[in-house]
C-alpha atoms as a PDB file:
ATOM      1  CA  MET A   1      -2.045 -29.857   5.770  1.00  0.00           C
ATOM      2  CA  THR A   2      -3.739 -30.033   2.671  1.00  0.00           C
ATOM      3  CA  ASP A   3      -5.861 -33.623   3.257  1.00  0.00           C
ATOM      4  CA  ASN A   4      -7.792 -30.746   5.335  1.00  0.00           C
ATOM      5  CA  TRP A   5      -8.157 -29.168   2.452  1.00  0.00           C
ATOM      6  CA  HIS A   6      -9.471 -30.101  -0.948  1.00  0.00           C
ATOM      7  CA  LEU A   7      -8.950 -27.744  -4.041  1.00  0.00           C
ATOM      8  CA  GLN A   8     -11.611 -25.859  -5.972  1.00  0.00           C
ATOM      9  CA  PRO A   9     -12.232 -27.508  -9.110  1.00  0.00           C
ATOM     10  CA  GLY A  10     -10.297 -25.988 -11.504  1.00  0.00           C
ATOM     11  CA  VAL A  11      -8.055 -24.595  -9.843  1.00  0.00           C
ATOM     12  CA  ALA A  12      -4.076 -26.857 -10.499  1.00  0.00           C
ATOM     13  CA  MET A  13      -1.166 -26.262  -8.404  1.00  0.00           C
ATOM     14  CA  SER A  14       1.739 -28.362  -7.429  1.00  0.00           C
ATOM     15  CA  PRO A  15       0.675 -30.135  -3.293  1.00  0.00           C
ATOM     16  CA  GLU A  16       3.489 -28.359  -1.546  1.00  0.00           C
ATOM     17  CA  ALA A  17       1.858 -25.355  -2.620  1.00  0.00           C
ATOM     18  CA  ALA A  18      -1.181 -26.387  -2.163  1.00  0.00           C
ATOM     19  CA  ASP A  19       0.396 -27.196   1.793  1.00  0.00           C
ATOM     20  CA  GLU A  20       1.905 -24.016   1.831  1.00  0.00           C
ATOM     21  CA  VAL A  21      -1.695 -21.745   0.669  1.00  0.00           C
ATOM     22  CA  ALA A  22      -3.096 -24.047   3.270  1.00  0.00           C
ATOM     23  CA  LYS A  23      -1.335 -22.769   5.255  1.00  0.00           C
ATOM     24  CA  ILE A  24      -2.369 -19.276   4.726  1.00  0.00           C
ATOM     25  CA  ALA A  25      -5.573 -20.115   4.948  1.00  0.00           C
ATOM     26  CA  CYS A  26      -6.085 -21.482   8.492  1.00  0.00           C
ATOM     27  CA  ALA A  27      -3.543 -18.580   9.324  1.00  0.00           C
ATOM     28  CA  LEU A  28      -6.900 -16.666   8.013  1.00  0.00           C
ATOM     29  CA  LYS A  29      -9.416 -18.475   9.455  1.00  0.00           C
ATOM     30  CA  SER A  30      -7.743 -17.821  12.757  1.00  0.00           C
ATOM     31  CA  LEU A  31      -7.837 -13.623  12.038  1.00  0.00           C
ATOM     32  CA  SER A  32     -11.312 -13.906  11.468  1.00  0.00           C
ATOM     33  CA  ALA A  33     -12.806 -16.221  14.470  1.00  0.00           C
ATOM     34  CA  TYR A  34     -10.494 -13.181  16.014  1.00  0.00           C
ATOM     35  CA  THR A  35     -12.530 -10.226  14.163  1.00  0.00           C
ATOM     36  CA  THR A  36     -15.287 -11.842  14.491  1.00  0.00           C
ATOM     37  CA  PHE A  37     -14.638 -11.295  19.049  1.00  0.00           C
ATOM     38  CA  ALA A  38     -13.348  -7.925  18.808  1.00  0.00           C
ATOM     39  CA  MET A  39     -16.552  -7.069  16.528  1.00  0.00           C
ATOM     40  CA  GLU A  40     -18.058  -8.598  19.324  1.00  0.00           C
ATOM     41  CA  ARG A  41     -16.228  -6.183  21.970  1.00  0.00           C
ATOM     42  CA  GLU A  42     -16.450  -3.168  18.954  1.00  0.00           C
ATOM     43  CA  ASP A  43     -12.469  -2.739  18.852  1.00  0.00           C
ATOM     44  CA  CYS A  44     -12.236  -4.655  15.871  1.00  0.00           C
ATOM     45  CA  PRO A  45     -11.107  -1.820  12.865  1.00  0.00           C
ATOM     46  CA  GLU A  46     -12.985  -1.677   9.928  1.00  0.00           C
ATOM     47  CA  GLU A  47      -9.799  -2.128   8.136  1.00  0.00           C
ATOM     48  CA  LEU A  48      -9.248  -5.389   9.557  1.00  0.00           C
ATOM     49  CA  GLN A  49     -12.001  -6.362   8.740  1.00  0.00           C
ATOM     50  CA  LYS A  50     -12.171  -5.912   5.617  1.00  0.00           C
ATOM     51  CA  LEU A  51      -8.377  -7.219   4.788  1.00  0.00           C
ATOM     52  CA  VAL A  52     -10.094 -10.616   6.427  1.00  0.00           C
ATOM     53  CA  GLU A  53     -12.762 -10.417   4.221  1.00  0.00           C
ATOM     54  CA  GLU A  54     -11.286 -10.115   1.041  1.00  0.00           C
ATOM     55  CA  GLY A  55      -8.499 -13.001   2.173  1.00  0.00           C
ATOM     56  CA  LEU A  56     -10.994 -15.416   3.030  1.00  0.00           C
ATOM     57  CA  ASP A  57     -12.737 -14.175  -0.160  1.00  0.00           C
ATOM     58  CA  ALA A  58     -10.035 -15.208  -2.108  1.00  0.00           C
ATOM     59  CA  MET A  59      -9.111 -18.270   0.345  1.00  0.00           C
ATOM     60  CA  ALA A  60     -12.270 -19.340  -0.863  1.00  0.00           C
ATOM     61  CA  ARG A  61     -11.460 -18.881  -4.814  1.00  0.00           C
ATOM     62  CA  VAL A  62      -8.697 -21.630  -4.064  1.00  0.00           C
ATOM     63  CA  PHE A  63     -10.171 -24.608  -1.751  1.00  0.00           C
ATOM     64  CA  VAL A  64     -13.147 -25.481  -0.974  1.00  0.00           C
ATOM     65  CA  TRP A  65     -14.419 -24.917   2.828  1.00  0.00           C
END
């Protein structure tokens, strides 16, 4: 999975750990797409939106995407 995910400069982790973290990043991106869809329908809880945004911000500090 890490072939598609590149670590930010200065981030060091084993390839195995990066692979596991990339799986989490994929899940967060999928959840982000879902919350965007739900927001358009106005049935997305604000807490979920904030949680997803915080997760995406954290992943952006680890991976270039």
